[in-house]
Amino acid sequence: MEPRYTQINGGGRACVYNIRDYDVVLTCLKNCKGIEIEKIPFTTLNIIQRLSNSFDAGRWEPCRPEHFTDEKVDEFIRMLPRKLLDVLLPFQHDGLRFGLRRGGRCLIADEMGLGKTLQVIIFYEITSAVPNLRYISVWFWLFKTLILELCIIPV
């Protein structure tokens, strides 16, 4: 079982494990003194496991027409300027890959100041060049248009 680490509020690190390792992680935590454990509700865990082709395969497996393989995601990422990729922190890169695998259909939610805006800008950069993801470009254009129309910025 291979943990990954992500940054948490205050600059610390937290372990992140794959859902397929849930039982092993839960067992380890139960054996630790002074730790309160609240299990993921059975129904929720069952749905996550059943709907995730990647759970069984142990790697990302596209399961919808708008999803992309890791190879295609790598191709999209190679299209980006190196300078832009160099500023991404590991968890931001993971989030970018997560969203691209799912064709941009994801919700980016995290603490303030952890780079959600940067990830959206990169999604936009990629989607403007990829016909399949053009709907995100349309959404971004509409968002930009509404902001410009609704906001009056005094000079």
C-alpha atoms as a PDB file:
ATOM      1  CA  MET A   1       0.000   0.000   0.000  1.00  0.00           C
ATOM      2  CA  GLU A   2       1.638   3.176  -1.233  1.00  0.00           C
ATOM      3  CA  PRO A   3       0.619   6.469   0.438  1.00  0.00           C
ATOM      4  CA  ARG A   4       0.764   9.828  -1.276  1.00  0.00           C
ATOM      5  CA  TYR A   5       0.949  13.099   0.544  1.00  0.00           C
ATOM      6  CA  THR A   6      -1.022  16.275   0.143  1.00  0.00           C
ATOM      7  CA  GLN A   7      -0.624  19.683   1.722  1.00  0.00           C
ATOM      8  CA  ILE A   8      -3.104  20.620   4.424  1.00  0.00           C
ATOM      9  CA  ASN A   9      -4.068  23.909   6.019  1.00  0.00           C
ATOM     10  CA  GLY A  10      -1.059  25.414   7.776  1.00  0.00           C
ATOM     11  CA  GLY A  11       1.452  23.809   5.409  1.00  0.00           C
ATOM     12  CA  GLY A  12       1.472  20.347   6.998  1.00  0.00           C
ATOM     13  CA  ARG A  13       1.158  17.058   5.136  1.00  0.00           C
ATOM     14  CA  ALA A  14      -1.506  14.392   5.224  1.00  0.00           C
ATOM     15  CA  CYS A  15      -1.479  10.856   3.812  1.00  0.00           C
ATOM     16  CA  VAL A  16      -3.831  10.016   0.975  1.00  0.00           C
ATOM     17  CA  TYR A  17      -4.601   6.375   0.160  1.00  0.00           C
ATOM     18  CA  ASN A  18      -6.506   4.713  -2.660  1.00  0.00           C
ATOM     19  CA  ILE A  19     -10.049   3.598  -1.853  1.00  0.00           C
ATOM     20  CA  ARG A  20      -9.032  -0.007  -2.550  1.00  0.00           C
ATOM     21  CA  ASP A  21      -6.775   0.215   0.541  1.00  0.00           C
ATOM     22  CA  TYR A  22      -9.646   1.370   2.773  1.00  0.00           C
ATOM     23  CA  ASP A  23      -9.938  -1.852   4.808  1.00  0.00           C
ATOM     24  CA  VAL A  24      -6.184  -2.059   5.441  1.00  0.00           C
ATOM     25  CA  VAL A  25      -5.952   1.604   6.490  1.00  0.00           C
ATOM     26  CA  LEU A  26      -9.020   1.243   8.710  1.00  0.00           C
ATOM     27  CA  THR A  27      -7.526  -1.815  10.432  1.00  0.00           C
ATOM     28  CA  CYS A  28      -4.231  -0.005  11.042  1.00  0.00           C
ATOM     29  CA  LEU A  29      -6.022   3.009  12.502  1.00  0.00           C
ATOM     30  CA  LYS A  30      -8.158   0.826  14.779  1.00  0.00           C
ATOM     31  CA  ASN A  31      -4.939  -0.584  16.257  1.00  0.00           C
ATOM     32  CA  CYS A  32      -3.663   2.906  17.185  1.00  0.00           C
ATOM     33  CA  LYS A  33      -4.403   4.193  20.659  1.00  0.00           C
ATOM     34  CA  GLY A  34      -6.004   7.597  21.078  1.00  0.00           C
ATOM     35  CA  ILE A  35      -7.522   7.753  17.585  1.00  0.00           C
ATOM     36  CA  GLU A  36     -11.269   8.008  17.081  1.00  0.00           C
ATOM     37  CA  ILE A  37     -12.434   6.409  13.855  1.00  0.00           C
ATOM     38  CA  GLU A  38     -15.641   7.045  11.965  1.00  0.00           C
ATOM     39  CA  LYS A  39     -16.096   4.580   9.115  1.00  0.00           C
ATOM     40  CA  ILE A  40     -17.381   5.650   5.721  1.00  0.00           C
ATOM     41  CA  PRO A  41     -21.065   4.660   5.700  1.00  0.00           C
ATOM     42  CA  PHE A  42     -21.514   1.269   3.993  1.00  0.00           C
ATOM     43  CA  THR A  43     -23.896   2.586   1.318  1.00  0.00           C
ATOM     44  CA  THR A  44     -21.537   5.427   0.390  1.00  0.00           C
ATOM     45  CA  LEU A  45     -18.499   3.142   0.244  1.00  0.00           C
ATOM     46  CA  ASN A  46     -20.427   0.571  -1.788  1.00  0.00           C
ATOM     47  CA  ILE A  47     -21.510   3.172  -4.359  1.00  0.00           C
ATOM     48  CA  ILE A  48     -17.989   4.567  -4.686  1.00  0.00           C
ATOM     49  CA  GLN A  49     -16.561   1.086  -5.215  1.00  0.00           C
ATOM     50  CA  ARG A  50     -19.256  -0.057  -7.677  1.00  0.00           C
ATOM     51  CA  LEU A  51     -19.129   3.079  -9.811  1.00  0.00           C
ATOM     52  CA  SER A  52     -15.367   3.188 -10.013  1.00  0.00           C
ATOM     53  CA  ASN A  53     -13.937   0.977 -12.737  1.00  0.00           C
ATOM     54  CA  SER A  54     -10.579   2.187 -11.526  1.00  0.00           C
ATOM     55  CA  PHE A  55     -11.167   0.551  -8.142  1.00  0.00           C
ATOM     56  CA  ASP A  56     -11.070  -2.952  -9.607  1.00  0.00           C
ATOM     57  CA  ALA A  57      -8.328  -2.248 -12.121  1.00  0.00           C
ATOM     58  CA  GLY A  58      -6.092  -0.458  -9.628  1.00  0.00           C
ATOM     59  CA  ARG A  59      -5.523   2.251 -12.243  1.00  0.00           C
ATOM     60  CA  TRP A  60      -7.662   4.798 -14.089  1.00  0.00           C
ATOM     61  CA  GLU A  61     -10.065   3.186 -16.559  1.00  0.00           C
ATOM     62  CA  PRO A  62     -12.314   5.552 -18.543  1.00  0.00           C
ATOM     63  CA  CYS A  63     -15.954   4.489 -18.201  1.00  0.00           C
ATOM     64  CA  ARG A  64     -17.819   7.278 -20.018  1.00  0.00           C
ATOM     65  CA  PRO A  65     -17.454   8.718 -23.541  1.00  0.00           C
ATOM     66  CA  GLU A  66     -16.116  12.048 -22.233  1.00  0.00           C
ATOM     67  CA  HIS A  67     -13.416  10.373 -20.097  1.00  0.00           C
ATOM     68  CA  PHE A  68      -9.813  10.156 -21.268  1.00  0.00           C
ATOM     69  CA  THR A  69      -7.094   7.561 -20.785  1.00  0.00           C
ATOM     70  CA  ASP A  70      -3.914   8.361 -18.882  1.00  0.00           C
ATOM     71  CA  GLU A  71      -2.078   8.380 -22.210  1.00  0.00           C
ATOM     72  CA  LYS A  72      -4.420  11.053 -23.599  1.00  0.00           C
ATOM     73  CA  VAL A  73      -4.152  13.070 -20.370  1.00  0.00           C
ATOM     74  CA  ASP A  74      -0.348  12.903 -20.661  1.00  0.00           C
ATOM     75  CA  GLU A  75      -0.674  14.191 -24.225  1.00  0.00           C
ATOM     76  CA  PHE A  76      -2.813  17.133 -23.030  1.00  0.00           C
ATOM     77  CA  ILE A  77      -0.332  17.952 -20.279  1.00  0.00           C
ATOM     78  CA  ARG A  78       2.584  17.878 -22.735  1.00  0.00           C
ATOM     79  CA  MET A  79       0.793  20.628 -24.686  1.00  0.00           C
ATOM     80  CA  LEU A  80       1.228  23.009 -21.747  1.00  0.00           C
ATOM     81  CA  PRO A  81       4.203  25.335 -21.379  1.00  0.00           C
ATOM     82  CA  ARG A  82       6.892  23.891 -19.081  1.00  0.00           C
ATOM     83  CA  LYS A  83       6.927  27.159 -17.108  1.00  0.00           C
ATOM     84  CA  LEU A  84       3.256  26.648 -16.213  1.00  0.00           C
ATOM     85  CA  LEU A  85       3.759  23.025 -15.185  1.00  0.00           C
ATOM     86  CA  ASP A  86       6.742  23.935 -13.028  1.00  0.00           C
ATOM     87  CA  VAL A  87       4.619  26.115 -10.729  1.00  0.00           C
ATOM     88  CA  LEU A  88       2.126  23.314  -9.962  1.00  0.00           C
ATOM     89  CA  LEU A  89       2.460  21.635  -6.592  1.00  0.00           C
ATOM     90  CA  PRO A  90       2.056  17.827  -6.572  1.00  0.00           C
ATOM     91  CA  PHE A  91      -1.549  17.927  -5.292  1.00  0.00           C
ATOM     92  CA  GLN A  92      -2.443  20.524  -7.957  1.00  0.00           C
ATOM     93  CA  HIS A  93      -0.965  18.280 -10.639  1.00  0.00           C
ATOM     94  CA  ASP A  94      -3.030  15.372  -9.241  1.00  0.00           C
ATOM     95  CA  GLY A  95      -6.165  17.532  -9.353  1.00  0.00           C
ATOM     96  CA  LEU A  96      -5.432  18.558 -12.929  1.00  0.00           C
ATOM     97  CA  ARG A  97      -4.977  14.908 -13.977  1.00  0.00           C
ATOM     98  CA  PHE A  98      -8.163  13.944 -12.083  1.00  0.00           C
ATOM     99  CA  GLY A  99     -10.207  16.564 -13.932  1.00  0.00           C
ATOM    100  CA  LEU A 100      -8.703  15.829 -17.329  1.00  0.00           C
ATOM    101  CA  ARG A 101      -9.327  12.094 -16.956  1.00  0.00           C
ATOM    102  CA  ARG A 102     -12.989  12.902 -16.445  1.00  0.00           C
ATOM    103  CA  GLY A 103     -13.192  15.252 -19.397  1.00  0.00           C
ATOM    104  CA  GLY A 104     -13.344  18.283 -17.133  1.00  0.00           C
ATOM    105  CA  ARG A 105     -16.417  16.998 -15.288  1.00  0.00           C
ATOM    106  CA  CYS A 106     -15.287  17.454 -11.734  1.00  0.00           C
ATOM    107  CA  LEU A 107     -15.697  19.708  -8.763  1.00  0.00           C
ATOM    108  CA  ILE A 108     -12.550  21.375  -7.502  1.00  0.00           C
ATOM    109  CA  ALA A 109     -12.998  22.058  -3.806  1.00  0.00           C
ATOM    110  CA  ASP A 110     -10.244  22.734  -1.306  1.00  0.00           C
ATOM    111  CA  GLU A 111      -9.116  25.232   1.293  1.00  0.00           C
ATOM    112  CA  MET A 112      -8.590  28.822   0.172  1.00  0.00           C
ATOM    113  CA  GLY A 113      -5.206  29.584  -1.318  1.00  0.00           C
ATOM    114  CA  LEU A 114      -4.363  26.089  -2.567  1.00  0.00           C
ATOM    115  CA  GLY A 115      -4.515  26.817  -6.293  1.00  0.00           C
ATOM    116  CA  LYS A 116      -8.016  26.007  -7.541  1.00  0.00           C
ATOM    117  CA  THR A 117      -7.973  29.060  -9.810  1.00  0.00           C
ATOM    118  CA  LEU A 118      -4.659  27.989 -11.334  1.00  0.00           C
ATOM    119  CA  GLN A 119      -6.091  24.526 -12.046  1.00  0.00           C
ATOM    120  CA  VAL A 120      -9.151  26.055 -13.760  1.00  0.00           C
ATOM    121  CA  ILE A 121      -6.918  28.311 -15.883  1.00  0.00           C
ATOM    122  CA  ILE A 122      -4.923  25.261 -16.968  1.00  0.00           C
ATOM    123  CA  PHE A 123      -8.143  23.326 -17.722  1.00  0.00           C
ATOM    124  CA  TYR A 124      -9.186  26.272 -19.872  1.00  0.00           C
ATOM    125  CA  GLU A 125      -5.824  26.355 -21.636  1.00  0.00           C
ATOM    126  CA  ILE A 126      -6.191  22.679 -22.548  1.00  0.00           C
ATOM    127  CA  THR A 127      -9.899  22.756 -23.388  1.00  0.00           C
ATOM    128  CA  SER A 128      -9.510  25.643 -25.805  1.00  0.00           C
ATOM    129  CA  ALA A 129      -7.291  23.330 -27.904  1.00  0.00           C
ATOM    130  CA  VAL A 130      -9.336  20.123 -27.502  1.00  0.00           C
ATOM    131  CA  PRO A 131     -12.658  19.888 -29.406  1.00  0.00           C
ATOM    132  CA  ASN A 132     -14.154  17.281 -27.005  1.00  0.00           C
ATOM    133  CA  LEU A 133     -13.749  19.647 -24.100  1.00  0.00           C
ATOM    134  CA  ARG A 134     -14.985  22.735 -25.921  1.00  0.00           C
ATOM    135  CA  TYR A 135     -18.061  22.977 -23.664  1.00  0.00           C
ATOM    136  CA  ILE A 136     -15.805  24.112 -20.811  1.00  0.00           C
ATOM    137  CA  SER A 137     -14.443  26.866 -23.051  1.00  0.00           C
ATOM    138  CA  VAL A 138     -18.009  27.999 -23.760  1.00  0.00           C
ATOM    139  CA  TRP A 139     -18.785  27.971 -20.030  1.00  0.00           C
ATOM    140  CA  PHE A 140     -15.605  29.954 -19.297  1.00  0.00           C
ATOM    141  CA  TRP A 141     -16.437  32.458 -22.047  1.00  0.00           C
ATOM    142  CA  LEU A 142     -19.953  32.910 -20.632  1.00  0.00           C
ATOM    143  CA  PHE A 143     -18.578  33.307 -17.129  1.00  0.00           C
ATOM    144  CA  LYS A 144     -16.070  35.917 -18.328  1.00  0.00           C
ATOM    145  CA  THR A 145     -18.761  37.753 -20.312  1.00  0.00           C
ATOM    146  CA  LEU A 146     -21.142  37.849 -17.338  1.00  0.00           C
ATOM    147  CA  ILE A 147     -18.424  39.116 -15.025  1.00  0.00           C
ATOM    148  CA  LEU A 148     -17.459  41.866 -17.457  1.00  0.00           C
ATOM    149  CA  GLU A 149     -21.106  42.865 -17.988  1.00  0.00           C
ATOM    150  CA  LEU A 150     -22.083  42.774 -14.320  1.00  0.00           C
ATOM    151  CA  CYS A 151     -18.993  44.368 -12.819  1.00  0.00           C
ATOM    152  CA  ILE A 152     -18.350  48.038 -13.159  1.00  0.00           C
ATOM    153  CA  ILE A 153     -14.809  48.753 -12.128  1.00  0.00           C
ATOM    154  CA  PRO A 154     -14.118  52.423 -11.402  1.00  0.00           C
ATOM    155  CA  VAL A 155     -10.995  53.796 -13.041  1.00  0.00           C
END
